[in-house]
Amino acid sequence: MSTVRRNASGGIYIDKEELKQAFAFFDTERKGYINLQNLRDTIGIFDPKLASSDLRFLLNNKQSLTEDELYKLLANNTIRGFDPVQEAFKVFAKEAQNEKSLLDIQKLKAILIEMGLPDVTEDDINILKEVAGCEKDQEITFEQFKNMLNLDPSLADKDLYLDATPSEKKKA
């Protein structure tokens, strides 16, 4: 299991900036809140059979949640024995039962396209493979998947840090 940052209650640490990015993924219309339809549209990419009751549970049985409400709901959790990165890998890899499972590169490309990135090129995939450390392979291990998610901003000068702003690139 990977190292999971912990909050003061011993649960999973929720970083405000990471939550902001995740919230933006679900709030595709930039309304300032997410609702059942937003969850259905985005989570459905990974699990189209997810029940409405499960989606309502994710909204804390409310009609909608703002970013601040979501943060307050999650910030002081006491969740233990759960690794969000490993769970994400299992979703992407589908057949993943353990850390030795593999994620097919072409499947990753299909997921990115389904998520609304239709212009994913082979060059983009090659960059992801380089970041993951699997340039010659067509599959990503759990460890390589973690590497992709833990990209260090100091790599910006190598054009591997895709979200770096010009000022972040200058610092590196």
N, C-alpha and C. Protein backbone atom coordinates (compact mmCIF):
# COMPACT_ATOMS: atom_id res chain seq x y z
N MET A 1 0.84 -1.18 0.00
CA MET A 1 0.00 0.00 0.00
C MET A 1 0.88 1.24 0.00
N SER A 2 0.52 2.25 -0.74
CA SER A 2 1.34 3.45 -0.81
C SER A 2 1.18 4.30 0.44
N THR A 3 2.08 5.24 0.61
CA THR A 3 2.02 6.14 1.76
C THR A 3 0.88 7.12 1.55
N VAL A 4 -0.03 7.15 2.50
CA VAL A 4 -1.19 8.03 2.44
C VAL A 4 -1.00 9.11 3.49
N ARG A 5 -1.09 10.37 3.09
CA ARG A 5 -1.00 11.46 4.05
C ARG A 5 -2.21 11.39 4.98
N ARG A 6 -2.00 11.68 6.23
CA ARG A 6 -3.05 11.59 7.25
C ARG A 6 -3.40 12.96 7.81
N ASN A 7 -4.68 13.16 8.15
CA ASN A 7 -5.11 14.39 8.80
C ASN A 7 -4.95 14.24 10.31
N ALA A 8 -5.34 15.26 11.06
CA ALA A 8 -5.18 15.25 12.52
C ALA A 8 -5.99 14.15 13.19
N SER A 9 -7.06 13.69 12.54
CA SER A 9 -7.91 12.62 13.09
C SER A 9 -7.41 11.23 12.71
N GLY A 10 -6.32 11.16 11.95
CA GLY A 10 -5.79 9.88 11.51
C GLY A 10 -6.40 9.40 10.20
N GLY A 11 -7.33 10.17 9.66
CA GLY A 11 -7.96 9.83 8.38
C GLY A 11 -7.13 10.33 7.21
N ILE A 12 -7.68 10.24 6.04
CA ILE A 12 -6.99 10.66 4.82
C ILE A 12 -6.94 12.18 4.76
N TYR A 13 -5.75 12.73 4.57
CA TYR A 13 -5.57 14.18 4.46
C TYR A 13 -6.18 14.65 3.15
N ILE A 14 -6.96 15.72 3.22
CA ILE A 14 -7.58 16.31 2.04
C ILE A 14 -6.89 17.64 1.77
N ASP A 15 -6.15 17.71 0.69
CA ASP A 15 -5.46 18.92 0.29
C ASP A 15 -6.46 19.82 -0.44
N LYS A 16 -6.57 21.09 -0.03
CA LYS A 16 -7.56 21.99 -0.62
C LYS A 16 -7.34 22.19 -2.13
N GLU A 17 -6.09 22.30 -2.54
CA GLU A 17 -5.81 22.52 -3.96
C GLU A 17 -6.16 21.28 -4.78
N GLU A 18 -5.84 20.11 -4.27
CA GLU A 18 -6.19 18.88 -4.96
C GLU A 18 -7.70 18.71 -5.03
N LEU A 19 -8.39 19.06 -3.94
CA LEU A 19 -9.85 18.98 -3.94
C LEU A 19 -10.43 19.96 -4.96
N LYS A 20 -9.84 21.13 -5.05
CA LYS A 20 -10.30 22.14 -6.02
C LYS A 20 -10.21 21.59 -7.45
N GLN A 21 -9.11 20.93 -7.75
CA GLN A 21 -8.93 20.33 -9.07
C GLN A 21 -9.93 19.21 -9.32
N ALA A 22 -10.13 18.38 -8.31
CA ALA A 22 -11.10 17.29 -8.45
C ALA A 22 -12.51 17.84 -8.61
N PHE A 23 -12.84 18.87 -7.84
CA PHE A 23 -14.16 19.48 -7.92
C PHE A 23 -14.39 20.03 -9.33
N ALA A 24 -13.38 20.67 -9.89
CA ALA A 24 -13.51 21.23 -11.25
C ALA A 24 -13.76 20.13 -12.27
N PHE A 25 -13.21 18.96 -12.04
CA PHE A 25 -13.44 17.83 -12.95
C PHE A 25 -14.93 17.48 -12.98
N PHE A 26 -15.58 17.52 -11.82
CA PHE A 26 -17.00 17.18 -11.74
C PHE A 26 -17.90 18.36 -12.12
N ASP A 27 -17.49 19.56 -11.78
CA ASP A 27 -18.29 20.76 -12.08
C ASP A 27 -17.95 21.27 -13.48
N THR A 28 -18.31 20.49 -14.46
CA THR A 28 -17.93 20.79 -15.84
C THR A 28 -18.58 22.07 -16.38
N GLU A 29 -19.72 22.44 -15.84
CA GLU A 29 -20.41 23.66 -16.29
C GLU A 29 -20.01 24.88 -15.47
N ARG A 30 -19.11 24.69 -14.52
CA ARG A 30 -18.59 25.77 -13.67
C ARG A 30 -19.71 26.54 -12.97
N LYS A 31 -20.64 25.78 -12.37
CA LYS A 31 -21.78 26.36 -11.67
C LYS A 31 -21.44 26.68 -10.22
N GLY A 32 -20.36 26.10 -9.72
CA GLY A 32 -20.00 26.32 -8.33
C GLY A 32 -20.55 25.24 -7.40
N TYR A 33 -21.19 24.24 -7.98
CA TYR A 33 -21.69 23.11 -7.20
C TYR A 33 -21.74 21.89 -8.11
N ILE A 34 -21.78 20.73 -7.46
CA ILE A 34 -21.93 19.48 -8.21
C ILE A 34 -23.23 18.82 -7.75
N ASN A 35 -23.85 18.11 -8.68
CA ASN A 35 -25.12 17.45 -8.37
C ASN A 35 -25.07 16.01 -8.89
N LEU A 36 -26.19 15.33 -8.75
CA LEU A 36 -26.29 13.93 -9.15
C LEU A 36 -25.92 13.73 -10.62
N GLN A 37 -26.39 14.62 -11.48
CA GLN A 37 -26.10 14.49 -12.90
C GLN A 37 -24.61 14.65 -13.19
N ASN A 38 -23.95 15.60 -12.50
CA ASN A 38 -22.50 15.76 -12.68
C ASN A 38 -21.76 14.48 -12.33
N LEU A 39 -22.15 13.86 -11.21
CA LEU A 39 -21.51 12.61 -10.80
C LEU A 39 -21.79 11.51 -11.81
N ARG A 40 -23.03 11.43 -12.25
CA ARG A 40 -23.41 10.39 -13.21
C ARG A 40 -22.60 10.55 -14.51
N ASP A 41 -22.46 11.79 -14.97
CA ASP A 41 -21.73 12.05 -16.22
C ASP A 41 -20.25 11.73 -16.12
N THR A 42 -19.64 12.01 -14.97
CA THR A 42 -18.20 11.81 -14.85
C THR A 42 -17.83 10.42 -14.33
N ILE A 43 -18.46 10.00 -13.27
CA ILE A 43 -18.15 8.67 -12.72
C ILE A 43 -18.63 7.58 -13.67
N GLY A 44 -19.67 7.88 -14.43
CA GLY A 44 -20.19 6.91 -15.40
C GLY A 44 -19.15 6.51 -16.44
N ILE A 45 -18.16 7.34 -16.65
CA ILE A 45 -17.07 7.00 -17.57
C ILE A 45 -16.35 5.75 -17.08
N PHE A 46 -16.20 5.64 -15.77
CA PHE A 46 -15.47 4.54 -15.17
C PHE A 46 -16.36 3.38 -14.78
N ASP A 47 -17.58 3.70 -14.34
CA ASP A 47 -18.50 2.66 -13.89
C ASP A 47 -19.93 3.05 -14.26
N PRO A 48 -20.33 2.74 -15.48
CA PRO A 48 -21.67 3.14 -15.95
C PRO A 48 -22.81 2.46 -15.20
N LYS A 49 -22.51 1.41 -14.44
CA LYS A 49 -23.56 0.68 -13.71
C LYS A 49 -23.71 1.14 -12.26
N LEU A 50 -22.99 2.17 -11.86
CA LEU A 50 -23.06 2.64 -10.49
C LEU A 50 -24.48 3.11 -10.18
N ALA A 51 -25.04 2.62 -9.10
CA ALA A 51 -26.43 2.90 -8.74
C ALA A 51 -26.61 4.36 -8.31
N SER A 52 -27.80 4.89 -8.56
CA SER A 52 -28.13 6.25 -8.14
C SER A 52 -27.99 6.42 -6.63
N SER A 53 -28.30 5.37 -5.88
CA SER A 53 -28.17 5.44 -4.42
C SER A 53 -26.71 5.65 -4.02
N ASP A 54 -25.79 5.05 -4.75
CA ASP A 54 -24.36 5.25 -4.48
C ASP A 54 -23.94 6.68 -4.80
N LEU A 55 -24.48 7.20 -5.89
CA LEU A 55 -24.16 8.59 -6.27
C LEU A 55 -24.72 9.56 -5.24
N ARG A 56 -25.95 9.31 -4.75
CA ARG A 56 -26.53 10.17 -3.72
C ARG A 56 -25.69 10.10 -2.43
N PHE A 57 -25.20 8.91 -2.12
CA PHE A 57 -24.33 8.76 -0.95
C PHE A 57 -23.11 9.66 -1.09
N LEU A 58 -22.53 9.72 -2.29
CA LEU A 58 -21.36 10.57 -2.52
C LEU A 58 -21.67 12.05 -2.32
N LEU A 59 -22.93 12.42 -2.50
CA LEU A 59 -23.36 13.80 -2.28
C LEU A 59 -23.87 14.01 -0.85
N ASN A 60 -23.64 13.03 0.01
CA ASN A 60 -24.10 13.09 1.39
C ASN A 60 -25.62 13.24 1.45
N ASN A 61 -26.30 12.60 0.48
CA ASN A 61 -27.76 12.62 0.36
C ASN A 61 -28.34 14.02 0.20
N LYS A 62 -27.56 14.93 -0.37
CA LYS A 62 -28.02 16.29 -0.65
C LYS A 62 -28.26 16.41 -2.15
N GLN A 63 -28.96 17.45 -2.55
CA GLN A 63 -29.20 17.71 -3.96
C GLN A 63 -27.93 18.14 -4.68
N SER A 64 -27.09 18.89 -3.96
CA SER A 64 -25.84 19.37 -4.54
C SER A 64 -24.87 19.70 -3.41
N LEU A 65 -23.61 19.88 -3.79
CA LEU A 65 -22.56 20.26 -2.84
C LEU A 65 -21.67 21.31 -3.50
N THR A 66 -21.32 22.34 -2.74
CA THR A 66 -20.33 23.31 -3.21
C THR A 66 -18.95 22.76 -2.85
N GLU A 67 -17.92 23.39 -3.37
CA GLU A 67 -16.56 22.96 -3.05
C GLU A 67 -16.29 23.08 -1.55
N ASP A 68 -16.73 24.18 -0.93
CA ASP A 68 -16.53 24.36 0.51
C ASP A 68 -17.28 23.30 1.31
N GLU A 69 -18.51 23.00 0.92
CA GLU A 69 -19.29 21.97 1.62
C GLU A 69 -18.60 20.61 1.50
N LEU A 70 -18.07 20.32 0.33
CA LEU A 70 -17.38 19.05 0.13
C LEU A 70 -16.13 18.99 0.99
N TYR A 71 -15.38 20.09 1.05
CA TYR A 71 -14.18 20.12 1.88
C TYR A 71 -14.54 19.88 3.35
N LYS A 72 -15.56 20.57 3.84
CA LYS A 72 -15.97 20.41 5.24
C LYS A 72 -16.41 18.98 5.52
N LEU A 73 -17.04 18.36 4.55
CA LEU A 73 -17.50 16.98 4.69
C LEU A 73 -16.33 16.01 4.77
N LEU A 74 -15.28 16.28 4.00
CA LEU A 74 -14.16 15.35 3.88
C LEU A 74 -12.97 15.64 4.80
N ALA A 75 -12.78 16.90 5.18
CA ALA A 75 -11.55 17.32 5.86
C ALA A 75 -11.23 16.56 7.14
N ASN A 76 -12.21 16.29 7.96
CA ASN A 76 -11.95 15.64 9.25
C ASN A 76 -12.37 14.18 9.26
N ASN A 77 -12.26 13.53 8.11
CA ASN A 77 -12.63 12.12 8.03
C ASN A 77 -11.70 11.27 8.90
N THR A 78 -12.16 10.09 9.22
CA THR A 78 -11.36 9.14 10.01
C THR A 78 -11.14 7.85 9.22
N ILE A 79 -11.11 7.96 7.91
CA ILE A 79 -10.97 6.79 7.04
C ILE A 79 -9.55 6.23 7.17
N ARG A 80 -9.49 4.95 7.48
CA ARG A 80 -8.21 4.24 7.58
C ARG A 80 -8.29 2.99 6.70
N GLY A 81 -7.15 2.44 6.34
CA GLY A 81 -7.13 1.22 5.55
C GLY A 81 -7.63 1.41 4.13
N PHE A 82 -7.53 2.63 3.62
CA PHE A 82 -8.01 2.95 2.28
C PHE A 82 -6.94 3.80 1.61
N ASP A 83 -6.50 3.39 0.44
CA ASP A 83 -5.50 4.13 -0.30
C ASP A 83 -6.16 4.66 -1.57
N PRO A 84 -6.42 5.98 -1.65
CA PRO A 84 -7.11 6.52 -2.82
C PRO A 84 -6.38 6.27 -4.14
N VAL A 85 -5.06 6.29 -4.11
CA VAL A 85 -4.30 6.05 -5.34
C VAL A 85 -4.48 4.60 -5.80
N GLN A 86 -4.41 3.68 -4.85
CA GLN A 86 -4.60 2.27 -5.21
C GLN A 86 -6.02 2.03 -5.72
N GLU A 87 -7.00 2.67 -5.10
CA GLU A 87 -8.39 2.51 -5.55
C GLU A 87 -8.58 3.10 -6.94
N ALA A 88 -7.94 4.24 -7.21
CA ALA A 88 -8.02 4.82 -8.56
C ALA A 88 -7.40 3.88 -9.58
N PHE A 89 -6.27 3.28 -9.22
CA PHE A 89 -5.62 2.33 -10.12
C PHE A 89 -6.56 1.16 -10.42
N LYS A 90 -7.23 0.66 -9.39
CA LYS A 90 -8.17 -0.45 -9.59
C LYS A 90 -9.28 -0.06 -10.56
N VAL A 91 -9.76 1.17 -10.46
CA VAL A 91 -10.81 1.63 -11.38
C VAL A 91 -10.28 1.67 -12.80
N PHE A 92 -9.10 2.25 -12.97
CA PHE A 92 -8.54 2.37 -14.31
C PHE A 92 -8.15 1.02 -14.89
N ALA A 93 -7.56 0.17 -14.06
CA ALA A 93 -7.09 -1.12 -14.55
C ALA A 93 -8.22 -2.14 -14.65
N LYS A 94 -9.34 -1.86 -14.04
CA LYS A 94 -10.53 -2.72 -14.02
C LYS A 94 -10.26 -4.10 -13.45
N GLU A 95 -9.36 -4.84 -14.01
CA GLU A 95 -9.10 -6.19 -13.54
C GLU A 95 -8.14 -6.18 -12.36
N ALA A 96 -7.74 -5.01 -11.90
CA ALA A 96 -6.74 -4.90 -10.84
C ALA A 96 -7.23 -5.51 -9.54
N GLN A 97 -6.53 -6.49 -9.07
CA GLN A 97 -6.85 -7.12 -7.80
C GLN A 97 -5.78 -6.82 -6.75
N ASN A 98 -4.61 -6.43 -7.23
CA ASN A 98 -3.52 -6.15 -6.30
C ASN A 98 -2.52 -5.22 -6.99
N GLU A 99 -1.42 -4.95 -6.29
CA GLU A 99 -0.42 -4.02 -6.82
C GLU A 99 0.37 -4.60 -7.99
N LYS A 100 0.22 -5.87 -8.30
CA LYS A 100 0.92 -6.47 -9.43
C LYS A 100 0.10 -6.39 -10.72
N SER A 101 -1.10 -5.88 -10.64
CA SER A 101 -1.95 -5.74 -11.82
C SER A 101 -1.40 -4.66 -12.74
N LEU A 102 -1.87 -4.65 -13.98
CA LEU A 102 -1.36 -3.73 -14.98
C LEU A 102 -2.47 -2.93 -15.62
N LEU A 103 -2.14 -1.70 -16.01
CA LEU A 103 -3.06 -0.83 -16.74
C LEU A 103 -2.54 -0.71 -18.16
N ASP A 104 -3.35 -1.09 -19.11
CA ASP A 104 -2.99 -1.01 -20.51
C ASP A 104 -2.95 0.45 -20.97
N ILE A 105 -1.87 0.83 -21.66
CA ILE A 105 -1.69 2.21 -22.12
C ILE A 105 -2.84 2.63 -23.04
N GLN A 106 -3.25 1.77 -23.93
CA GLN A 106 -4.34 2.13 -24.84
C GLN A 106 -5.67 2.30 -24.10
N LYS A 107 -5.84 1.55 -23.03
CA LYS A 107 -7.04 1.72 -22.20
C LYS A 107 -7.00 3.08 -21.51
N LEU A 108 -5.81 3.48 -21.04
CA LEU A 108 -5.65 4.79 -20.43
C LEU A 108 -5.98 5.88 -21.45
N LYS A 109 -5.51 5.72 -22.66
CA LYS A 109 -5.80 6.69 -23.71
C LYS A 109 -7.31 6.78 -23.96
N ALA A 110 -7.98 5.64 -24.01
CA ALA A 110 -9.43 5.62 -24.22
C ALA A 110 -10.16 6.32 -23.08
N ILE A 111 -9.68 6.13 -21.84
CA ILE A 111 -10.30 6.79 -20.68
C ILE A 111 -10.12 8.30 -20.79
N LEU A 112 -8.93 8.75 -21.15
CA LEU A 112 -8.68 10.18 -21.29
C LEU A 112 -9.57 10.80 -22.36
N ILE A 113 -9.76 10.11 -23.45
CA ILE A 113 -10.63 10.59 -24.52
C ILE A 113 -12.08 10.65 -24.02
N GLU A 114 -12.50 9.62 -23.31
CA GLU A 114 -13.86 9.57 -22.76
C GLU A 114 -14.07 10.68 -21.73
N MET A 115 -13.00 11.07 -21.04
CA MET A 115 -13.09 12.13 -20.03
C MET A 115 -13.15 13.52 -20.66
N GLY A 116 -13.12 13.59 -21.98
CA GLY A 116 -13.25 14.88 -22.62
C GLY A 116 -11.96 15.44 -23.17
N LEU A 117 -10.97 14.59 -23.36
CA LEU A 117 -9.70 15.01 -23.95
C LEU A 117 -9.55 14.33 -25.31
N PRO A 118 -10.37 14.73 -26.28
CA PRO A 118 -10.39 14.02 -27.56
C PRO A 118 -9.13 14.16 -28.39
N ASP A 119 -8.29 15.13 -28.06
CA ASP A 119 -7.09 15.36 -28.86
C ASP A 119 -5.85 14.70 -28.28
N VAL A 120 -6.03 13.62 -27.52
CA VAL A 120 -4.89 12.90 -26.96
C VAL A 120 -4.13 12.26 -28.11
N THR A 121 -2.86 12.64 -28.22
CA THR A 121 -2.04 12.14 -29.31
C THR A 121 -1.09 11.04 -28.82
N GLU A 122 -0.43 10.40 -29.75
CA GLU A 122 0.58 9.41 -29.38
C GLU A 122 1.73 10.09 -28.64
N ASP A 123 2.03 11.35 -28.99
CA ASP A 123 3.07 12.08 -28.26
C ASP A 123 2.66 12.27 -26.80
N ASP A 124 1.37 12.58 -26.57
CA ASP A 124 0.87 12.71 -25.20
C ASP A 124 1.03 11.40 -24.44
N ILE A 125 0.68 10.31 -25.09
CA ILE A 125 0.79 8.99 -24.47
C ILE A 125 2.26 8.67 -24.18
N ASN A 126 3.14 9.03 -25.10
CA ASN A 126 4.57 8.80 -24.87
C ASN A 126 5.09 9.59 -23.68
N ILE A 127 4.57 10.81 -23.49
CA ILE A 127 4.96 11.61 -22.33
C ILE A 127 4.48 10.94 -21.05
N LEU A 128 3.23 10.46 -21.06
CA LEU A 128 2.71 9.76 -19.88
C LEU A 128 3.54 8.52 -19.58
N LYS A 129 3.91 7.80 -20.62
CA LYS A 129 4.73 6.61 -20.43
C LYS A 129 6.09 6.98 -19.85
N GLU A 130 6.68 8.08 -20.34
CA GLU A 130 7.97 8.53 -19.84
C GLU A 130 7.87 8.93 -18.37
N VAL A 131 6.81 9.66 -18.03
CA VAL A 131 6.60 10.08 -16.65
C VAL A 131 6.42 8.85 -15.75
N ALA A 132 5.68 7.88 -16.23
CA ALA A 132 5.43 6.67 -15.46
C ALA A 132 6.67 5.79 -15.37
N GLY A 133 7.58 5.95 -16.32
CA GLY A 133 8.77 5.12 -16.32
C GLY A 133 8.58 3.81 -17.06
N CYS A 134 7.71 3.82 -18.05
CA CYS A 134 7.46 2.58 -18.80
C CYS A 134 7.52 2.85 -20.31
N GLU A 135 8.56 3.58 -20.73
CA GLU A 135 8.68 4.00 -22.12
C GLU A 135 8.54 2.86 -23.13
N LYS A 136 9.07 1.69 -22.79
CA LYS A 136 9.08 0.59 -23.75
C LYS A 136 7.89 -0.36 -23.57
N ASP A 137 7.19 -0.24 -22.47
CA ASP A 137 6.08 -1.14 -22.18
C ASP A 137 4.76 -0.57 -22.68
N GLN A 138 3.78 -1.43 -22.81
CA GLN A 138 2.42 -1.01 -23.18
C GLN A 138 1.48 -1.10 -21.98
N GLU A 139 2.07 -1.34 -20.80
CA GLU A 139 1.28 -1.45 -19.59
C GLU A 139 1.96 -0.69 -18.46
N ILE A 140 1.14 -0.22 -17.53
CA ILE A 140 1.63 0.54 -16.39
C ILE A 140 1.36 -0.27 -15.13
N THR A 141 2.40 -0.41 -14.30
CA THR A 141 2.22 -1.08 -13.01
C THR A 141 1.66 -0.07 -12.01
N PHE A 142 1.27 -0.57 -10.85
CA PHE A 142 0.77 0.30 -9.79
C PHE A 142 1.84 1.32 -9.38
N GLU A 143 3.09 0.87 -9.24
CA GLU A 143 4.17 1.78 -8.85
C GLU A 143 4.36 2.88 -9.90
N GLN A 144 4.28 2.51 -11.17
CA GLN A 144 4.43 3.50 -12.24
C GLN A 144 3.24 4.47 -12.25
N PHE A 145 2.04 3.96 -11.96
CA PHE A 145 0.85 4.79 -11.87
C PHE A 145 1.03 5.83 -10.76
N LYS A 146 1.57 5.40 -9.62
CA LYS A 146 1.85 6.34 -8.53
C LYS A 146 2.85 7.40 -8.98
N ASN A 147 3.86 6.98 -9.74
CA ASN A 147 4.84 7.94 -10.24
C ASN A 147 4.18 9.00 -11.10
N MET A 148 3.24 8.59 -11.92
CA MET A 148 2.53 9.54 -12.78
C MET A 148 1.78 10.56 -11.94
N LEU A 149 1.17 10.13 -10.85
CA LEU A 149 0.37 11.02 -10.03
C LEU A 149 1.19 11.89 -9.10
N ASN A 150 2.42 11.49 -8.86
CA ASN A 150 3.30 12.24 -7.95
C ASN A 150 4.37 13.01 -8.70
N LEU A 151 4.03 13.52 -9.84
CA LEU A 151 5.01 14.22 -10.67
C LEU A 151 5.57 15.42 -9.94
N ASP A 152 6.86 15.50 -9.89
CA ASP A 152 7.57 16.55 -9.20
C ASP A 152 7.69 17.79 -10.10
N PRO A 153 7.29 18.98 -9.60
CA PRO A 153 7.41 20.20 -10.41
C PRO A 153 8.82 20.47 -10.90
N SER A 154 9.84 19.91 -10.26
CA SER A 154 11.21 20.13 -10.71
C SER A 154 11.47 19.51 -12.07
N LEU A 155 10.56 18.65 -12.52
CA LEU A 155 10.70 18.04 -13.83
C LEU A 155 10.20 18.96 -14.95
N ALA A 156 9.72 20.15 -14.59
CA ALA A 156 9.13 21.06 -15.57
C ALA A 156 10.09 21.39 -16.71
N ASP A 157 11.37 21.50 -16.41
CA ASP A 157 12.31 21.83 -17.47
C ASP A 157 12.45 20.72 -18.49
N LYS A 158 11.95 19.55 -18.17
CA LYS A 158 11.98 18.44 -19.11
C LYS A 158 10.66 18.32 -19.86
N ASP A 159 9.78 19.33 -19.71
CA ASP A 159 8.47 19.35 -20.35
C ASP A 159 7.63 18.14 -19.96
N LEU A 160 7.88 17.59 -18.78
CA LEU A 160 7.07 16.48 -18.31
C LEU A 160 5.98 16.96 -17.37
N TYR A 161 6.14 18.16 -16.83
CA TYR A 161 5.16 18.69 -15.90
C TYR A 161 4.15 19.48 -16.73
N LEU A 162 3.10 18.78 -17.14
CA LEU A 162 2.18 19.30 -18.14
C LEU A 162 1.39 20.51 -17.68
N ASP A 163 1.12 20.65 -16.39
CA ASP A 163 0.29 21.75 -15.91
C ASP A 163 1.12 22.93 -15.39
N ALA A 164 2.41 22.90 -15.59
CA ALA A 164 3.25 23.95 -15.04
C ALA A 164 2.96 25.29 -15.72
N THR A 165 2.84 26.33 -14.91
CA THR A 165 2.69 27.68 -15.44
C THR A 165 4.07 28.17 -15.84
N PRO A 166 4.17 29.22 -16.64
CA PRO A 166 5.49 29.74 -16.99
C PRO A 166 6.34 30.07 -15.77
N SER A 167 5.72 30.63 -14.70
CA SER A 167 6.49 30.97 -13.50
C SER A 167 6.98 29.71 -12.79
N GLU A 168 6.18 28.64 -12.79
CA GLU A 168 6.62 27.38 -12.19
C GLU A 168 7.78 26.78 -12.97
N LYS A 169 7.71 26.93 -14.30
CA LYS A 169 8.80 26.38 -15.11
C LYS A 169 10.10 27.14 -14.86
N LYS A 170 10.02 28.48 -14.62
CA LYS A 170 11.21 29.26 -14.34
C LYS A 170 11.86 28.85 -13.02
N LYS A 171 11.02 28.51 -12.02
CA LYS A 171 11.55 28.09 -10.72
C LYS A 171 12.33 26.80 -10.84
N ALA A 172 11.90 25.91 -11.71
CA ALA A 172 12.55 24.61 -11.86
C ALA A 172 13.82 24.79 -12.61
